[in-house]
Structures are given as C-alpha cells and as structure tokens.
Amino acid sequence: MLDINTIAEFSRNNCVTICAFLVPANLIATTSTMILAALHRPLSQVSQSVAVAGFFAAIMILHVYTWFAIGIVAIPTYILLWLAITCLFTNLGAFLFQRRYIRTYFLIGDR
C-alpha cells in the first residue's frame, strides 16, 4: 500500500538530490516546450513536451509541500514553488499559443 508519510520523508531526506535533478529538468523541459512552440511544430509534439514539463513541475510542487507540511517556511521553498508554478504557466501558455496558431493558420474550413 502507498504510504504518503514514507514518501514525504524520502522527499525531505533526499532534498538536495531531488532539487538537483528537478530544477534543471524543469528548466530544460520548459525551454524545450517554448522552442517547439516557437518553431510551430505539430501540436502532438508540443503536447508531449508540455506533459513532461508539467510532470516535473508537479513533482516539484509536491516536494515543496512536504516541507510546508512540517512547518519549514524558508526562502528556498518559496523560490522552488515560484519556479514550478512559472514553468507550469509557461507550458500552458506555449500550448495555448500553438493551438491557436494551428487553428488560425491551418483550418481553412471555417471561412
């Protein structure tokens, strides 16, 4: 059975390792999404990149909330939370931009 307390303890005990992976992973995945959207790649490719980046951002948010749950409120927790939320909104914006671009320039049947 899945024990949330054990997972939260693992997250807090391995914080440096988890953050050392998640921070660059968030930045690389979000940058990848922005590049794919800027190059007007197919929506399926942008969607896959958004899913991967969203997964990394969600994991970081959950990791930060494990610290908030035990009462650790410090500047690094807010910075990591800000980074994750910024990555989520950037990916959402890139996805919506790409979807609107495809709808505007490639759907001729609506005219």
PDB file of N, CA and C in Angstrom:
ATOM      1  N   MET A   1       0.832  -1.180   0.000  1.00  0.00           N
ATOM      2  CA  MET A   1       0.000   0.000   0.000  1.00  0.00           C
ATOM      3  C   MET A   1       0.880   1.248   0.000  1.00  0.00           C
ATOM      4  N   LEU A   2       0.395   2.304  -0.619  1.00  0.00           N
ATOM      5  CA  LEU A   2       1.135   3.550  -0.748  1.00  0.00           C
ATOM      6  C   LEU A   2       1.056   4.334   0.558  1.00  0.00           C
ATOM      7  N   ASP A   3       2.204   4.591   1.169  1.00  0.00           N
ATOM      8  CA  ASP A   3       2.259   5.326   2.425  1.00  0.00           C
ATOM      9  C   ASP A   3       2.794   6.732   2.160  1.00  0.00           C
ATOM     10  N   ILE A   4       1.939   7.721   2.287  1.00  0.00           N
ATOM     11  CA  ILE A   4       2.308   9.109   1.986  1.00  0.00           C
ATOM     12  C   ILE A   4       3.383   9.613   2.935  1.00  0.00           C
ATOM     13  N   ASN A   5       3.338   9.211   4.195  1.00  0.00           N
ATOM     14  CA  ASN A   5       4.346   9.670   5.156  1.00  0.00           C
ATOM     15  C   ASN A   5       5.737   9.182   4.776  1.00  0.00           C
ATOM     16  N   THR A   6       5.839   7.966   4.311  1.00  0.00           N
ATOM     17  CA  THR A   6       7.135   7.425   3.896  1.00  0.00           C
ATOM     18  C   THR A   6       7.664   8.174   2.674  1.00  0.00           C
ATOM     19  N   ILE A   7       6.779   8.460   1.734  1.00  0.00           N
ATOM     20  CA  ILE A   7       7.190   9.198   0.542  1.00  0.00           C
ATOM     21  C   ILE A   7       7.622  10.620   0.911  1.00  0.00           C
ATOM     22  N   ALA A   8       6.893  11.260   1.817  1.00  0.00           N
ATOM     23  CA  ALA A   8       7.248  12.610   2.252  1.00  0.00           C
ATOM     24  C   ALA A   8       8.593  12.616   2.975  1.00  0.00           C
ATOM     25  N   GLU A   9       8.842  11.625   3.816  1.00  0.00           N
ATOM     26  CA  GLU A   9      10.131  11.519   4.496  1.00  0.00           C
ATOM     27  C   GLU A   9      11.263  11.309   3.503  1.00  0.00           C
ATOM     28  N   PHE A  10      11.032  10.448   2.519  1.00  0.00           N
ATOM     29  CA  PHE A  10      12.032  10.235   1.473  1.00  0.00           C
ATOM     30  C   PHE A  10      12.321  11.540   0.751  1.00  0.00           C
ATOM     31  N   SER A  11      11.280  12.294   0.455  1.00  0.00           N
ATOM     32  CA  SER A  11      11.440  13.569  -0.238  1.00  0.00           C
ATOM     33  C   SER A  11      12.262  14.549   0.585  1.00  0.00           C
ATOM     34  N   ARG A  12      11.991  14.631   1.863  1.00  0.00           N
ATOM     35  CA  ARG A  12      12.732  15.565   2.707  1.00  0.00           C
ATOM     36  C   ARG A  12      14.154  15.094   2.975  1.00  0.00           C
ATOM     37  N   ASN A  13      14.363  13.797   3.120  1.00  0.00           N
ATOM     38  CA  ASN A  13      15.705  13.275   3.390  1.00  0.00           C
ATOM     39  C   ASN A  13      16.627  13.398   2.183  1.00  0.00           C
ATOM     40  N   ASN A  14      16.074  13.378   0.991  1.00  0.00           N
ATOM     41  CA  ASN A  14      16.874  13.455  -0.231  1.00  0.00           C
ATOM     42  C   ASN A  14      16.627  14.762  -0.974  1.00  0.00           C
ATOM     43  N   CYS A  15      16.443  15.831  -0.237  1.00  0.00           N
ATOM     44  CA  CYS A  15      16.050  17.114  -0.821  1.00  0.00           C
ATOM     45  C   CYS A  15      17.087  17.639  -1.809  1.00  0.00           C
ATOM     46  N   VAL A  16      18.334  17.610  -1.454  1.00  0.00           N
ATOM     47  CA  VAL A  16      19.372  18.165  -2.324  1.00  0.00           C
ATOM     48  C   VAL A  16      19.429  17.401  -3.639  1.00  0.00           C
ATOM     49  N   THR A  17      19.343  16.092  -3.572  1.00  0.00           N
ATOM     50  CA  THR A  17      19.384  15.274  -4.780  1.00  0.00           C
ATOM     51  C   THR A  17      18.149  15.508  -5.645  1.00  0.00           C
ATOM     52  N   ILE A  18      16.996  15.552  -5.015  1.00  0.00           N
ATOM     53  CA  ILE A  18      15.755  15.771  -5.763  1.00  0.00           C
ATOM     54  C   ILE A  18      15.766  17.143  -6.421  1.00  0.00           C
ATOM     55  N   CYS A  19      16.158  18.166  -5.697  1.00  0.00           N
ATOM     56  CA  CYS A  19      16.195  19.516  -6.270  1.00  0.00           C
ATOM     57  C   CYS A  19      17.280  19.642  -7.340  1.00  0.00           C
ATOM     58  N   ALA A  20      18.408  18.954  -7.145  1.00  0.00           N
ATOM     59  CA  ALA A  20      19.474  18.992  -8.146  1.00  0.00           C
ATOM     60  C   ALA A  20      19.022  18.379  -9.464  1.00  0.00           C
ATOM     61  N   PHE A  21      18.061  17.472  -9.417  1.00  0.00           N
ATOM     62  CA  PHE A  21      17.505  16.907 -10.645  1.00  0.00           C
ATOM     63  C   PHE A  21      16.336  17.734 -11.168  1.00  0.00           C
ATOM     64  N   LEU A  22      15.412  18.125 -10.285  1.00  0.00           N
ATOM     65  CA  LEU A  22      14.171  18.756 -10.741  1.00  0.00           C
ATOM     66  C   LEU A  22      14.341  20.173 -11.270  1.00  0.00           C
ATOM     67  N   VAL A  23      15.249  20.943 -10.705  1.00  0.00           N
ATOM     68  CA  VAL A  23      15.422  22.319 -11.174  1.00  0.00           C
ATOM     69  C   VAL A  23      15.900  22.348 -12.627  1.00  0.00           C
ATOM     70  N   PRO A  24      16.995  21.646 -12.975  1.00  0.00           N
ATOM     71  CA  PRO A  24      17.388  21.652 -14.389  1.00  0.00           C
ATOM     72  C   PRO A  24      16.364  20.950 -15.282  1.00  0.00           C
ATOM     73  N   ALA A  25      15.732  19.901 -14.786  1.00  0.00           N
ATOM     74  CA  ALA A  25      14.731  19.197 -15.587  1.00  0.00           C
ATOM     75  C   ALA A  25      13.563  20.118 -15.923  1.00  0.00           C
ATOM     76  N   ASN A  26      13.105  20.902 -14.956  1.00  0.00           N
ATOM     77  CA  ASN A  26      12.034  21.874 -15.211  1.00  0.00           C
ATOM     78  C   ASN A  26      12.463  22.910 -16.241  1.00  0.00           C
ATOM     79  N   LEU A  27      13.647  23.439 -16.071  1.00  0.00           N
ATOM     80  CA  LEU A  27      14.113  24.486 -16.979  1.00  0.00           C
ATOM     81  C   LEU A  27      14.321  23.952 -18.397  1.00  0.00           C
ATOM     82  N   ILE A  28      14.916  22.778 -18.526  1.00  0.00           N
ATOM     83  CA  ILE A  28      15.155  22.195 -19.845  1.00  0.00           C
ATOM     84  C   ILE A  28      13.847  21.824 -20.523  1.00  0.00           C
ATOM     85  N   ALA A  29      12.938  21.205 -19.784  1.00  0.00           N
ATOM     86  CA  ALA A  29      11.665  20.796 -20.377  1.00  0.00           C
ATOM     87  C   ALA A  29      10.826  22.006 -20.783  1.00  0.00           C
ATOM     88  N   THR A  30      10.825  23.042 -19.977  1.00  0.00           N
ATOM     89  CA  THR A  30      10.059  24.245 -20.312  1.00  0.00           C
ATOM     90  C   THR A  30      10.685  24.963 -21.504  1.00  0.00           C
ATOM     91  N   THR A  31      11.998  25.039 -21.542  1.00  0.00           N
ATOM     92  CA  THR A  31      12.672  25.642 -22.684  1.00  0.00           C
ATOM     93  C   THR A  31      12.390  24.845 -23.950  1.00  0.00           C
ATOM     94  N   SER A  32      12.377  23.540 -23.838  1.00  0.00           N
ATOM     95  CA  SER A  32      12.063  22.685 -24.978  1.00  0.00           C
ATOM     96  C   SER A  32      10.655  22.957 -25.494  1.00  0.00           C
ATOM     97  N   THR A  33       9.706  23.112 -24.585  1.00  0.00           N
ATOM     98  CA  THR A  33       8.327  23.421 -24.981  1.00  0.00           C
ATOM     99  C   THR A  33       8.265  24.758 -25.706  1.00  0.00           C
ATOM    100  N   MET A  34       8.948  25.753 -25.177  1.00  0.00           N
ATOM    101  CA  MET A  34       8.925  27.068 -25.812  1.00  0.00           C
ATOM    102  C   MET A  34       9.554  27.034 -27.202  1.00  0.00           C
ATOM    103  N   ILE A  35      10.630  26.287 -27.352  1.00  0.00           N
ATOM    104  CA  ILE A  35      11.285  26.181 -28.656  1.00  0.00           C
ATOM    105  C   ILE A  35      10.380  25.461 -29.649  1.00  0.00           C
ATOM    106  N   LEU A  36       9.763  24.369 -29.218  1.00  0.00           N
ATOM    107  CA  LEU A  36       8.857  23.647 -30.113  1.00  0.00           C
ATOM    108  C   LEU A  36       7.684  24.520 -30.547  1.00  0.00           C
ATOM    109  N   ALA A  37       7.140  25.299 -29.626  1.00  0.00           N
ATOM    110  CA  ALA A  37       6.024  26.181 -29.973  1.00  0.00           C
ATOM    111  C   ALA A  37       6.487  27.311 -30.886  1.00  0.00           C
ATOM    112  N   ALA A  38       7.676  27.841 -30.640  1.00  0.00           N
ATOM    113  CA  ALA A  38       8.184  28.933 -31.479  1.00  0.00           C
ATOM    114  C   ALA A  38       8.484  28.463 -32.899  1.00  0.00           C
ATOM    115  N   LEU A  39       8.891  27.202 -33.028  1.00  0.00           N
ATOM    116  CA  LEU A  39       9.177  26.646 -34.357  1.00  0.00           C
ATOM    117  C   LEU A  39       7.920  26.115 -35.035  1.00  0.00           C
ATOM    118  N   HIS A  40       6.773  26.257 -34.380  1.00  0.00           N
ATOM    119  CA  HIS A  40       5.478  25.813 -34.907  1.00  0.00           C
ATOM    120  C   HIS A  40       5.492  24.323 -35.261  1.00  0.00           C
ATOM    121  N   ARG A  41       6.004  23.545 -34.329  1.00  0.00           N
ATOM    122  CA  ARG A  41       5.990  22.098 -34.501  1.00  0.00           C
ATOM    123  C   ARG A  41       4.557  21.600 -34.314  1.00  0.00           C
ATOM    124  N   PRO A  42       4.268  20.378 -34.729  1.00  0.00           N
ATOM    125  CA  PRO A  42       2.904  19.848 -34.571  1.00  0.00           C
ATOM    126  C   PRO A  42       2.454  19.867 -33.112  1.00  0.00           C
ATOM    127  N   LEU A  43       1.156  19.997 -32.939  1.00  0.00           N
ATOM    128  CA  LEU A  43       0.589  20.097 -31.599  1.00  0.00           C
ATOM    129  C   LEU A  43       0.881  18.855 -30.765  1.00  0.00           C
ATOM    130  N   SER A  44       0.995  17.708 -31.394  1.00  0.00           N
ATOM    131  CA  SER A  44       1.293  16.482 -30.641  1.00  0.00           C
ATOM    132  C   SER A  44       2.675  16.555 -29.995  1.00  0.00           C
ATOM    133  N   GLN A  45       3.652  17.117 -30.688  1.00  0.00           N
ATOM    134  CA  GLN A  45       4.992  17.251 -30.109  1.00  0.00           C
ATOM    135  C   GLN A  45       4.995  18.252 -28.965  1.00  0.00           C
ATOM    136  N   VAL A  46       4.298  19.353 -29.152  1.00  0.00           N
ATOM    137  CA  VAL A  46       4.222  20.360 -28.089  1.00  0.00           C
ATOM    138  C   VAL A  46       3.483  19.783 -26.883  1.00  0.00           C
ATOM    139  N   SER A  47       2.438  19.021 -27.134  1.00  0.00           N
ATOM    140  CA  SER A  47       1.669  18.411 -26.040  1.00  0.00           C
ATOM    141  C   SER A  47       2.521  17.441 -25.236  1.00  0.00           C
ATOM    142  N   GLN A  48       3.342  16.659 -25.902  1.00  0.00           N
ATOM    143  CA  GLN A  48       4.218  15.725 -25.195  1.00  0.00           C
ATOM    144  C   GLN A  48       5.224  16.469 -24.327  1.00  0.00           C
ATOM    145  N   SER A  49       5.773  17.543 -24.870  1.00  0.00           N
ATOM    146  CA  SER A  49       6.724  18.332 -24.105  1.00  0.00           C
ATOM    147  C   SER A  49       6.051  19.002 -22.909  1.00  0.00           C
ATOM    148  N   VAL A  50       4.828  19.476 -23.105  1.00  0.00           N
ATOM    149  CA  VAL A  50       4.065  20.083 -22.003  1.00  0.00           C
ATOM    150  C   VAL A  50       3.786  19.045 -20.918  1.00  0.00           C
ATOM    151  N   ALA A  51       3.466  17.825 -21.318  1.00  0.00           N
ATOM    152  CA  ALA A  51       3.181  16.763 -20.339  1.00  0.00           C
ATOM    153  C   ALA A  51       4.408  16.441 -19.502  1.00  0.00           C
ATOM    154  N   VAL A  52       5.559  16.331 -20.150  1.00  0.00           N
ATOM    155  CA  VAL A  52       6.794  16.024 -19.419  1.00  0.00           C
ATOM    156  C   VAL A  52       7.147  17.172 -18.471  1.00  0.00           C
ATOM    157  N   ALA A  53       7.096  18.397 -18.983  1.00  0.00           N
ATOM    158  CA  ALA A  53       7.417  19.555 -18.152  1.00  0.00           C
ATOM    159  C   ALA A  53       6.416  19.723 -17.013  1.00  0.00           C
ATOM    160  N   GLY A  54       5.151  19.459 -17.297  1.00  0.00           N
ATOM    161  CA  GLY A  54       4.136  19.549 -16.254  1.00  0.00           C
ATOM    162  C   GLY A  54       4.342  18.510 -15.168  1.00  0.00           C
ATOM    163  N   PHE A  55       4.786  17.315 -15.564  1.00  0.00           N
ATOM    164  CA  PHE A  55       5.082  16.274 -14.588  1.00  0.00           C
ATOM    165  C   PHE A  55       6.203  16.712 -13.657  1.00  0.00           C
ATOM    166  N   PHE A  56       7.290  17.249 -14.225  1.00  0.00           N
ATOM    167  CA  PHE A  56       8.409  17.707 -13.399  1.00  0.00           C
ATOM    168  C   PHE A  56       7.977  18.837 -12.467  1.00  0.00           C
ATOM    169  N   ALA A  57       7.181  19.764 -12.968  1.00  0.00           N
ATOM    170  CA  ALA A  57       6.721  20.881 -12.141  1.00  0.00           C
ATOM    171  C   ALA A  57       5.792  20.393 -11.025  1.00  0.00           C
ATOM    172  N   ALA A  58       4.926  19.440 -11.337  1.00  0.00           N
ATOM    173  CA  ALA A  58       4.018  18.903 -10.316  1.00  0.00           C
ATOM    174  C   ALA A  58       4.800  18.174  -9.218  1.00  0.00           C
ATOM    175  N   ILE A  59       5.809  17.422  -9.614  1.00  0.00           N
ATOM    176  CA  ILE A  59       6.641  16.737  -8.615  1.00  0.00           C
ATOM    177  C   ILE A  59       7.350  17.756  -7.732  1.00  0.00           C
ATOM    178  N   MET A  60       7.831  18.845  -8.316  1.00  0.00           N
ATOM    179  CA  MET A  60       8.500  19.866  -7.509  1.00  0.00           C
ATOM    180  C   MET A  60       7.521  20.528  -6.541  1.00  0.00           C
ATOM    181  N   ILE A  61       6.307  20.789  -6.987  1.00  0.00           N
ATOM    182  CA  ILE A  61       5.303  21.383  -6.100  1.00  0.00           C
ATOM    183  C   ILE A  61       4.999  20.439  -4.942  1.00  0.00           C
ATOM    184  N   LEU A  62       4.837  19.165  -5.236  1.00  0.00           N
ATOM    185  CA  LEU A  62       4.594  18.195  -4.161  1.00  0.00           C
ATOM    186  C   LEU A  62       5.782  18.116  -3.214  1.00  0.00           C
ATOM    187  N   HIS A  63       6.988  18.184  -3.748  1.00  0.00           N
ATOM    188  CA  HIS A  63       8.194  18.163  -2.912  1.00  0.00           C
ATOM    189  C   HIS A  63       8.219  19.370  -1.977  1.00  0.00           C
ATOM    190  N   VAL A  64       7.899  20.541  -2.496  1.00  0.00           N
ATOM    191  CA  VAL A  64       7.880  21.752  -1.662  1.00  0.00           C
ATOM    192  C   VAL A  64       6.790  21.651  -0.607  1.00  0.00           C
ATOM    193  N   TYR A  65       5.639  21.098  -0.962  1.00  0.00           N
ATOM    194  CA  TYR A  65       4.560  20.971   0.011  1.00  0.00           C
ATOM    195  C   TYR A  65       4.901  20.006   1.141  1.00  0.00           C
ATOM    196  N   THR A  66       5.809  19.052   0.911  1.00  0.00           N
ATOM    197  CA  THR A  66       6.236  18.200   2.028  1.00  0.00           C
ATOM    198  C   THR A  66       6.977  19.023   3.070  1.00  0.00           C
ATOM    199  N   TRP A  67       7.695  20.056   2.613  1.00  0.00           N
ATOM    200  CA  TRP A  67       8.367  20.942   3.565  1.00  0.00           C
ATOM    201  C   TRP A  67       7.365  21.850   4.268  1.00  0.00           C
ATOM    202  N   PHE A  68       6.393  22.350   3.532  1.00  0.00           N
ATOM    203  CA  PHE A  68       5.368  23.182   4.158  1.00  0.00           C
ATOM    204  C   PHE A  68       4.566  22.388   5.184  1.00  0.00           C
ATOM    205  N   ALA A  69       4.369  21.105   4.942  1.00  0.00           N
ATOM    206  CA  ALA A  69       3.569  20.260   5.834  1.00  0.00           C
ATOM    207  C   ALA A  69       4.200  20.127   7.211  1.00  0.00           C
ATOM    208  N   ILE A  70       5.527  20.185   7.284  1.00  0.00           N
ATOM    209  CA  ILE A  70       6.167  20.066   8.597  1.00  0.00           C
ATOM    210  C   ILE A  70       6.544  21.421   9.173  1.00  0.00           C
ATOM    211  N   GLY A  71       6.155  22.495   8.487  1.00  0.00           N
ATOM    212  CA  GLY A  71       6.357  23.832   9.033  1.00  0.00           C
ATOM    213  C   GLY A  71       7.630  24.527   8.615  1.00  0.00           C
ATOM    214  N   ILE A  72       8.332  23.995   7.636  1.00  0.00           N
ATOM    215  CA  ILE A  72       9.543  24.659   7.146  1.00  0.00           C
ATOM    216  C   ILE A  72       9.123  25.678   6.090  1.00  0.00           C
ATOM    217  N   VAL A  73       9.207  26.937   6.471  1.00  0.00           N
ATOM    218  CA  VAL A  73       8.851  28.030   5.556  1.00  0.00           C
ATOM    219  C   VAL A  73      10.098  28.885   5.428  1.00  0.00           C
ATOM    220  N   ALA A  74      10.785  28.727   4.301  1.00  0.00           N
ATOM    221  CA  ALA A  74      12.034  29.447   4.085  1.00  0.00           C
ATOM    222  C   ALA A  74      12.077  29.975   2.658  1.00  0.00           C
ATOM    223  N   ILE A  75      13.036  30.820   2.383  1.00  0.00           N
ATOM    224  CA  ILE A  75      13.163  31.413   1.056  1.00  0.00           C
ATOM    225  C   ILE A  75      13.350  30.352  -0.030  1.00  0.00           C
ATOM    226  N   PRO A  76      14.191  29.323   0.168  1.00  0.00           N
ATOM    227  CA  PRO A  76      14.344  28.324  -0.897  1.00  0.00           C
ATOM    228  C   PRO A  76      13.037  27.602  -1.251  1.00  0.00           C
ATOM    229  N   THR A  77      12.169  27.374  -0.271  1.00  0.00           N
ATOM    230  CA  THR A  77      10.910  26.707  -0.590  1.00  0.00           C
ATOM    231  C   THR A  77      10.035  27.596  -1.453  1.00  0.00           C
ATOM    232  N   TYR A  78      10.023  28.890  -1.164  1.00  0.00           N
ATOM    233  CA  TYR A  78       9.239  29.802  -1.994  1.00  0.00           C
ATOM    234  C   TYR A  78       9.832  29.963  -3.392  1.00  0.00           C
ATOM    235  N   ILE A  79      11.147  29.968  -3.494  1.00  0.00           N
ATOM    236  CA  ILE A  79      11.796  30.074  -4.801  1.00  0.00           C
ATOM    237  C   ILE A  79      11.482  28.849  -5.648  1.00  0.00           C
ATOM    238  N   LEU A  80      11.565  27.665  -5.058  1.00  0.00           N
ATOM    239  CA  LEU A  80      11.257  26.439  -5.801  1.00  0.00           C
ATOM    240  C   LEU A  80       9.786  26.385  -6.200  1.00  0.00           C
ATOM    241  N   LEU A  81       8.910  26.818  -5.310  1.00  0.00           N
ATOM    242  CA  LEU A  81       7.489  26.857  -5.633  1.00  0.00           C
ATOM    243  C   LEU A  81       7.221  27.849  -6.764  1.00  0.00           C
ATOM    244  N   TRP A  82       7.854  29.016  -6.714  1.00  0.00           N
ATOM    245  CA  TRP A  82       7.711  30.009  -7.774  1.00  0.00           C
ATOM    246  C   TRP A  82       8.216  29.452  -9.106  1.00  0.00           C
ATOM    247  N   LEU A  83       9.349  28.768  -9.086  1.00  0.00           N
ATOM    248  CA  LEU A  83       9.892  28.183 -10.306  1.00  0.00           C
ATOM    249  C   LEU A  83       8.929  27.170 -10.909  1.00  0.00           C
ATOM    250  N   ALA A  84       8.394  26.299 -10.082  1.00  0.00           N
ATOM    251  CA  ALA A  84       7.478  25.267 -10.574  1.00  0.00           C
ATOM    252  C   ALA A  84       6.196  25.880 -11.142  1.00  0.00           C
ATOM    253  N   ILE A  85       5.633  26.843 -10.458  1.00  0.00           N
ATOM    254  CA  ILE A  85       4.400  27.480 -10.940  1.00  0.00           C
ATOM    255  C   ILE A  85       4.670  28.262 -12.216  1.00  0.00           C
ATOM    256  N   THR A  86       5.809  28.937 -12.293  1.00  0.00           N
ATOM    257  CA  THR A  86       6.172  29.658 -13.507  1.00  0.00           C
ATOM    258  C   THR A  86       6.330  28.702 -14.680  1.00  0.00           C
ATOM    259  N   CYS A  87       6.956  27.558 -14.446  1.00  0.00           N
ATOM    260  CA  CYS A  87       7.102  26.558 -15.508  1.00  0.00           C
ATOM    261  C   CYS A  87       5.740  26.027 -15.947  1.00  0.00           C
ATOM    262  N   LEU A  88       4.847  25.793 -15.006  1.00  0.00           N
ATOM    263  CA  LEU A  88       3.508  25.319 -15.375  1.00  0.00           C
ATOM    264  C   LEU A  88       2.771  26.331 -16.252  1.00  0.00           C
ATOM    265  N   PHE A  89       2.786  27.594 -15.855  1.00  0.00           N
ATOM    266  CA  PHE A  89       2.089  28.615 -16.632  1.00  0.00           C
ATOM    267  C   PHE A  89       2.762  28.868 -17.982  1.00  0.00           C
ATOM    268  N   THR A  90       4.069  28.789 -18.027  1.00  0.00           N
ATOM    269  CA  THR A  90       4.776  28.961 -19.301  1.00  0.00           C
ATOM    270  C   THR A  90       4.422  27.844 -20.267  1.00  0.00           C
ATOM    271  N   ASN A  91       4.370  26.625 -19.771  1.00  0.00           N
ATOM    272  CA  ASN A  91       3.997  25.491 -20.620  1.00  0.00           C
ATOM    273  C   ASN A  91       2.549  25.594 -21.076  1.00  0.00           C
ATOM    274  N   LEU A  92       1.675  25.998 -20.192  1.00  0.00           N
ATOM    275  CA  LEU A  92       0.282  26.190 -20.573  1.00  0.00           C
ATOM    276  C   LEU A  92       0.164  27.264 -21.647  1.00  0.00           C
ATOM    277  N   GLY A  93       0.888  28.355 -21.479  1.00  0.00           N
ATOM    278  CA  GLY A  93       0.870  29.426 -22.468  1.00  0.00           C
ATOM    279  C   GLY A  93       1.420  28.980 -23.815  1.00  0.00           C
ATOM    280  N   ALA A  94       2.494  28.210 -23.806  1.00  0.00           N
ATOM    281  CA  ALA A  94       3.060  27.712 -25.063  1.00  0.00           C
ATOM    282  C   ALA A  94       2.089  26.766 -25.756  1.00  0.00           C
ATOM    283  N   PHE A  95       1.415  25.931 -24.981  1.00  0.00           N
ATOM    284  CA  PHE A  95       0.430  25.015 -25.568  1.00  0.00           C
ATOM    285  C   PHE A  95      -0.731  25.788 -26.187  1.00  0.00           C
ATOM    286  N   LEU A  96      -1.261  26.765 -25.459  1.00  0.00           N
ATOM    287  CA  LEU A  96      -2.367  27.557 -25.985  1.00  0.00           C
ATOM    288  C   LEU A  96      -1.950  28.374 -27.206  1.00  0.00           C
ATOM    289  N   PHE A  97      -0.715  28.891 -27.187  1.00  0.00           N
ATOM    290  CA  PHE A  97      -0.191  29.618 -28.334  1.00  0.00           C
ATOM    291  C   PHE A  97      -0.136  28.711 -29.560  1.00  0.00           C
ATOM    292  N   GLN A  98       0.378  27.510 -29.395  1.00  0.00           N
ATOM    293  CA  GLN A  98       0.500  26.583 -30.519  1.00  0.00           C
ATOM    294  C   GLN A  98      -0.883  26.160 -31.029  1.00  0.00           C
ATOM    295  N   ARG A  99      -1.794  25.902 -30.118  1.00  0.00           N
ATOM    296  CA  ARG A  99      -3.145  25.507 -30.517  1.00  0.00           C
ATOM    297  C   ARG A  99      -3.833  26.631 -31.295  1.00  0.00           C
ATOM    298  N   ARG A 100      -3.662  27.854 -30.835  1.00  0.00           N
ATOM    299  CA  ARG A 100      -4.266  28.990 -31.531  1.00  0.00           C
ATOM    300  C   ARG A 100      -3.615  29.204 -32.896  1.00  0.00           C
ATOM    301  N   TYR A 101      -2.295  29.016 -32.971  1.00  0.00           N
ATOM    302  CA  TYR A 101      -1.593  29.163 -34.245  1.00  0.00           C
ATOM    303  C   TYR A 101      -2.107  28.155 -35.264  1.00  0.00           C
ATOM    304  N   ILE A 102      -2.254  26.908 -34.835  1.00  0.00           N
ATOM    305  CA  ILE A 102      -2.736  25.870 -35.748  1.00  0.00           C
ATOM    306  C   ILE A 102      -4.164  26.173 -36.175  1.00  0.00           C
ATOM    307  N   ARG A 103      -4.999  26.584 -35.247  1.00  0.00           N
ATOM    308  CA  ARG A 103      -6.394  26.885 -35.572  1.00  0.00           C
ATOM    309  C   ARG A 103      -6.492  28.082 -36.517  1.00  0.00           C
ATOM    310  N   THR A 104      -5.664  29.079 -36.312  1.00  0.00           N
ATOM    311  CA  THR A 104      -5.739  30.298 -37.120  1.00  0.00           C
ATOM    312  C   THR A 104      -5.215  30.095 -38.534  1.00  0.00           C
ATOM    313  N   TYR A 105      -4.094  29.397 -38.669  1.00  0.00           N
ATOM    314  CA  TYR A 105      -3.434  29.338 -39.962  1.00  0.00           C
ATOM    315  C   TYR A 105      -3.693  28.071 -40.777  1.00  0.00           C
ATOM    316  N   PHE A 106      -4.208  27.036 -40.165  1.00  0.00           N
ATOM    317  CA  PHE A 106      -4.346  25.786 -40.895  1.00  0.00           C
ATOM    318  C   PHE A 106      -5.778  25.284 -41.064  1.00  0.00           C
ATOM    319  N   LEU A 107      -6.708  25.855 -40.352  1.00  0.00           N
ATOM    320  CA  LEU A 107      -8.095  25.433 -40.516  1.00  0.00           C
ATOM    321  C   LEU A 107      -8.785  26.361 -41.511  1.00  0.00           C
ATOM    322  N   ILE A 108      -8.837  25.916 -42.717  1.00  0.00           N
ATOM    323  CA  ILE A 108      -9.416  26.728 -43.774  1.00  0.00           C
ATOM    324  C   ILE A 108     -10.933  26.515 -43.850  1.00  0.00           C
ATOM    325  N   GLY A 109     -11.434  25.406 -43.353  1.00  0.00           N
ATOM    326  CA  GLY A 109     -12.841  25.070 -43.458  1.00  0.00           C
ATOM    327  C   GLY A 109     -13.773  26.008 -42.721  1.00  0.00           C
ATOM    328  N   ASP A 110     -13.269  26.817 -41.787  1.00  0.00           N
ATOM    329  CA  ASP A 110     -14.123  27.725 -41.021  1.00  0.00           C
ATOM    330  C   ASP A 110     -14.444  29.007 -41.767  1.00  0.00           C
ATOM    331  N   ARG A 111     -13.839  29.261 -42.902  1.00  0.00           N
ATOM    332  CA  ARG A 111     -14.029  30.531 -43.607  1.00  0.00           C
ATOM    333  C   ARG A 111     -15.261  30.534 -44.445  1.00  0.00           C
TER     334      ARG A 111
END
